[in-house]
Amino acid sequence: MAKGMHQLMKEAQKMQSKMLAMQEELEKETAEGTAGGGAVKVVMNGKQQITSVKIEKQAVDPNDVEMLEDLIMAAVNQAHDAITAKSSEKMGSITGGLNIPGF
């Protein structure tokens, strides 16, 4: 293997190691999404799993279930967008802005 190729492989391995460490760190991150002035709160972790849902009593109207569904969806989407942004920002610091699938 040419010296340049060997160096490139070493750099790729270093980047992969950094990315795996960053993924582990990101799994510990959380992001909160809210809707309805805080009536619905959703917390999502770095694995994009919902870890908490809080719904205030005033958001529960048996005659308007659709509104509550919309609030939950909005809070989940907000939390997802926030955790995705955190992930992209942290991974971008390692990859130099390269879009690497799966990271």
C-alpha atoms as a PDB file:
ATOM      1  CA  MET A   1       0.000   0.000   0.000  1.00  0.00           C
ATOM      2  CA  ALA A   2       1.349   3.408  -0.926  1.00  0.00           C
ATOM      3  CA  LYS A   3       2.358   5.701   1.917  1.00  0.00           C
ATOM      4  CA  GLY A   4      -0.383   8.191   1.000  1.00  0.00           C
ATOM      5  CA  MET A   5      -3.053   5.488   1.016  1.00  0.00           C
ATOM      6  CA  HIS A   6      -1.832   4.211   4.383  1.00  0.00           C
ATOM      7  CA  GLN A   7      -2.093   7.721   5.835  1.00  0.00           C
ATOM      8  CA  LEU A   8      -5.584   8.129   4.368  1.00  0.00           C
ATOM      9  CA  MET A   9      -6.695   4.855   5.975  1.00  0.00           C
ATOM     10  CA  LYS A  10      -5.290   5.969   9.352  1.00  0.00           C
ATOM     11  CA  GLU A  11      -7.202   9.270   9.076  1.00  0.00           C
ATOM     12  CA  ALA A  12     -10.405   7.426   8.165  1.00  0.00           C
ATOM     13  CA  GLN A  13     -10.016   5.155  11.192  1.00  0.00           C
ATOM     14  CA  LYS A  14      -9.464   8.171  13.457  1.00  0.00           C
ATOM     15  CA  MET A  15     -12.580   9.845  12.075  1.00  0.00           C
ATOM     16  CA  GLN A  16     -14.617   6.674  12.538  1.00  0.00           C
ATOM     17  CA  SER A  17     -13.424   6.380  16.134  1.00  0.00           C
ATOM     18  CA  LYS A  18     -14.346  10.020  16.819  1.00  0.00           C
ATOM     19  CA  MET A  19     -17.757   9.537  15.214  1.00  0.00           C
ATOM     20  CA  LEU A  20     -18.518   6.481  17.342  1.00  0.00           C
ATOM     21  CA  ALA A  21     -17.534   8.379  20.491  1.00  0.00           C
ATOM     22  CA  MET A  22     -19.724  11.294  19.387  1.00  0.00           C
ATOM     23  CA  GLN A  23     -22.668   8.964  18.777  1.00  0.00           C
ATOM     24  CA  GLU A  24     -22.334   7.630  22.328  1.00  0.00           C
ATOM     25  CA  GLU A  25     -22.239  11.200  23.631  1.00  0.00           C
ATOM     26  CA  LEU A  26     -25.266  12.173  21.536  1.00  0.00           C
ATOM     27  CA  GLU A  27     -27.286   9.272  22.954  1.00  0.00           C
ATOM     28  CA  LYS A  28     -27.075  11.050  26.319  1.00  0.00           C
ATOM     29  CA  GLU A  29     -28.358  14.351  24.884  1.00  0.00           C
ATOM     30  CA  THR A  30     -32.002  15.345  25.225  1.00  0.00           C
ATOM     31  CA  ALA A  31     -34.213  17.915  23.579  1.00  0.00           C
ATOM     32  CA  GLU A  32     -37.609  19.203  24.632  1.00  0.00           C
ATOM     33  CA  GLY A  33     -40.469  20.141  22.380  1.00  0.00           C
ATOM     34  CA  THR A  34     -43.492  22.081  23.598  1.00  0.00           C
ATOM     35  CA  ALA A  35     -46.831  23.088  22.154  1.00  0.00           C
ATOM     36  CA  GLY A  36     -49.910  24.959  23.283  1.00  0.00           C
ATOM     37  CA  GLY A  37     -47.913  27.402  25.394  1.00  0.00           C
ATOM     38  CA  GLY A  38     -46.303  24.529  27.301  1.00  0.00           C
ATOM     39  CA  ALA A  39     -49.510  22.543  27.750  1.00  0.00           C
ATOM     40  CA  VAL A  40     -47.787  19.603  26.037  1.00  0.00           C
ATOM     41  CA  LYS A  41     -44.101  18.810  26.615  1.00  0.00           C
ATOM     42  CA  VAL A  42     -42.145  16.014  24.984  1.00  0.00           C
ATOM     43  CA  VAL A  43     -38.544  15.038  25.736  1.00  0.00           C
ATOM     44  CA  MET A  44     -36.561  13.061  23.173  1.00  0.00           C
ATOM     45  CA  ASN A  45     -33.101  11.529  23.570  1.00  0.00           C
ATOM     46  CA  GLY A  46     -30.258  11.347  21.076  1.00  0.00           C
ATOM     47  CA  LYS A  47     -31.534   7.993  19.824  1.00  0.00           C
ATOM     48  CA  GLN A  48     -34.678   9.859  18.790  1.00  0.00           C
ATOM     49  CA  GLN A  49     -36.726   8.002  21.377  1.00  0.00           C
ATOM     50  CA  ILE A  50     -39.386   9.821  23.366  1.00  0.00           C
ATOM     51  CA  THR A  51     -38.434   9.609  27.035  1.00  0.00           C
ATOM     52  CA  SER A  52     -41.122  11.809  28.561  1.00  0.00           C
ATOM     53  CA  VAL A  53     -44.542  13.216  27.729  1.00  0.00           C
ATOM     54  CA  LYS A  54     -46.295  15.723  29.993  1.00  0.00           C
ATOM     55  CA  ILE A  55     -49.813  16.958  29.265  1.00  0.00           C
ATOM     56  CA  GLU A  56     -51.423  19.697  31.351  1.00  0.00           C
ATOM     57  CA  LYS A  57     -55.059  19.120  32.322  1.00  0.00           C
ATOM     58  CA  GLN A  58     -56.264  22.168  30.384  1.00  0.00           C
ATOM     59  CA  ALA A  59     -55.040  20.533  27.150  1.00  0.00           C
ATOM     60  CA  VAL A  60     -57.394  17.590  27.643  1.00  0.00           C
ATOM     61  CA  ASP A  61     -60.812  18.364  26.197  1.00  0.00           C
ATOM     62  CA  PRO A  62     -62.888  15.257  25.456  1.00  0.00           C
ATOM     63  CA  ASN A  63     -64.852  17.306  22.925  1.00  0.00           C
ATOM     64  CA  ASP A  64     -61.694  18.272  21.018  1.00  0.00           C
ATOM     65  CA  VAL A  65     -59.370  15.274  20.933  1.00  0.00           C
ATOM     66  CA  GLU A  66     -58.065  16.448  17.570  1.00  0.00           C
ATOM     67  CA  MET A  67     -56.528  19.536  19.161  1.00  0.00           C
ATOM     68  CA  LEU A  68     -54.634  17.420  21.703  1.00  0.00           C
ATOM     69  CA  GLU A  69     -53.409  15.139  18.923  1.00  0.00           C
ATOM     70  CA  ASP A  70     -52.137  18.183  17.021  1.00  0.00           C
ATOM     71  CA  LEU A  71     -50.381  19.540  20.126  1.00  0.00           C
ATOM     72  CA  ILE A  72     -48.656  16.217  20.767  1.00  0.00           C
ATOM     73  CA  MET A  73     -47.580  15.962  17.142  1.00  0.00           C
ATOM     74  CA  ALA A  74     -46.219  19.525  17.193  1.00  0.00           C
ATOM     75  CA  ALA A  75     -44.270  18.920  20.418  1.00  0.00           C
ATOM     76  CA  VAL A  76     -42.798  15.650  19.090  1.00  0.00           C
ATOM     77  CA  ASN A  77     -41.782  17.304  15.826  1.00  0.00           C
ATOM     78  CA  GLN A  78     -40.182  20.207  17.691  1.00  0.00           C
ATOM     79  CA  ALA A  79     -38.203  17.828  19.929  1.00  0.00           C
ATOM     80  CA  HIS A  80     -37.158  15.782  16.893  1.00  0.00           C
ATOM     81  CA  ASP A  81     -35.982  18.876  15.024  1.00  0.00           C
ATOM     82  CA  ALA A  82     -34.000  20.031  18.066  1.00  0.00           C
ATOM     83  CA  ILE A  83     -32.243  16.703  18.650  1.00  0.00           C
ATOM     84  CA  THR A  84     -31.514  16.365  14.925  1.00  0.00           C
ATOM     85  CA  ALA A  85     -29.979  19.842  14.907  1.00  0.00           C
ATOM     86  CA  LYS A  86     -27.813  18.997  17.925  1.00  0.00           C
ATOM     87  CA  SER A  87     -26.689  15.810  16.226  1.00  0.00           C
ATOM     88  CA  SER A  88     -25.896  17.522  12.928  1.00  0.00           C
ATOM     89  CA  GLU A  89     -23.970  20.272  14.677  1.00  0.00           C
ATOM     90  CA  LYS A  90     -21.837  17.873  16.698  1.00  0.00           C
ATOM     91  CA  MET A  91     -21.212  15.488  13.813  1.00  0.00           C
ATOM     92  CA  GLY A  92     -20.401  18.393  11.510  1.00  0.00           C
ATOM     93  CA  SER A  93     -17.556  19.338  13.831  1.00  0.00           C
ATOM     94  CA  ILE A  94     -16.005  15.931  13.160  1.00  0.00           C
ATOM     95  CA  THR A  95     -16.841  15.394   9.509  1.00  0.00           C
ATOM     96  CA  GLY A  96     -16.083  18.945   8.437  1.00  0.00           C
ATOM     97  CA  GLY A  97     -19.590  19.310   7.041  1.00  0.00           C
ATOM     98  CA  LEU A  98     -19.492  16.146   4.933  1.00  0.00           C
ATOM     99  CA  ASN A  99     -22.876  14.432   4.808  1.00  0.00           C
ATOM    100  CA  ILE A 100     -22.050  10.873   5.838  1.00  0.00           C
ATOM    101  CA  PRO A 101     -25.074   8.533   5.798  1.00  0.00           C
ATOM    102  CA  GLY A 102     -25.952   6.974   9.151  1.00  0.00           C
ATOM    103  CA  PHE A 103     -24.272   9.706  11.207  1.00  0.00           C
END
